[in-house]
Every structure is written in structure tokens, then in C-alpha cells.
Amino acid sequence: MYDTIKLLFEICLFKKKPQDLPYSVFLLGLMSGIYVAVRVLMLSMHFDSLGVLMQIAVDLVLVFGCVWLMLYLARKLGRFCQVLSAVLGTDALISFFAIPGIATMELGHGGLAVFLLVLSLIVWHWAITGHIISNALEKSLSFSLGLAFLYLFGTYQVMAFLFPEVAGVK
């Protein structure tokens, strides 16, 4: 487990690629479980249990579906387990480190410094996702950052449409 966490940190630091993760359905299941656990921690600060479960279910469908579609269109489905494990694992790491900042903002404390910290984690998450896509699809980083932006923005839009309370719409 330590080696996997170390690999995920190295992916977050742009030193490793998703292909460096072992091809393992067990690892994919483990990363999915950790991803869900971190999401539950984040979402339960603001939403009830049913809302959290519904949002996580939709979120998982979106993540699995987007990764599968990207790899399918690039004819690289053989990388699905590794790429999805990298996406879920790095997202869980970044989200875990964002929890204190999000909790502070949820309580109405922290001000500009906490906001900038959380914003920098969001930008870092976008860059990591672009890095993963770039290596998975063997495309340029600029193309992959654009695709990562579309993926992140698109999933946010779907979540905001299905769950208006996520976007702060009453």
C-alpha cells in the first residue's frame, strides 16, 4: 500500500505516469473505495446521507464513463484500470488535503488565504488530470489540459444540473 501511495504522490508531482501503476482490478477497487471514502468526508459536511450517496453514485458513473470514453476513442482501452486508478487515487489525495480548507470555508472562517489555498489545489488537480490524460492518450500536454478542463467542467455542470444545491442554486 505504501508503494501505491508513493506512486500516486509521484504522479501528483508529475514524476510518474499512470502506466507506472500496476495493472490490477484489485487496485482499481481499492482506489474506488478510497475515492468514495474521501468524497463522503467532503460531502457530508454540507449534505444529508441520501444526497451524499446519490452524488457519489453519479460522480462515479461520470468518472468511469469519461475515462472509458477517452480511452475508447483513442483506442487505448488496455490502459483503463491503470488510468482510472490514477485518476481516482490522485483525486482522492488532492481532495483529502483540501478537506481542512473546505471545512474552514464551510464554517465561514479562513478568508482569502484559505480560499486561495483551495483554489490552488483545484488548479493542481486540473494539472494532474491533464498530466494523466497526456500520458494515457500519448497527446501533448496542452491538448490534455484542454481535455482535462472539459472533463472537470463537464462533470461539474452535470452535477450542478442534477443536484442544484451543489452549485448553490436554490
Foldseek 3Di string as FASTA:
>chain_A
DVVVLVQLVCLLVVNDELVPDDQDPVLLVVLLVLLLVLQCLQCVLPDDPVVSVVLSVLVVCLLLVLLCVLCVVLVNNVCSSSLSSSLSNNVSVLSNVLSVLSNCVSVVDDPPVSVVVNVVSVVSNLQSQLSHSCVSSVHDSVVSSVVSVCSVVVSQVVSCVVPVVVVVDD
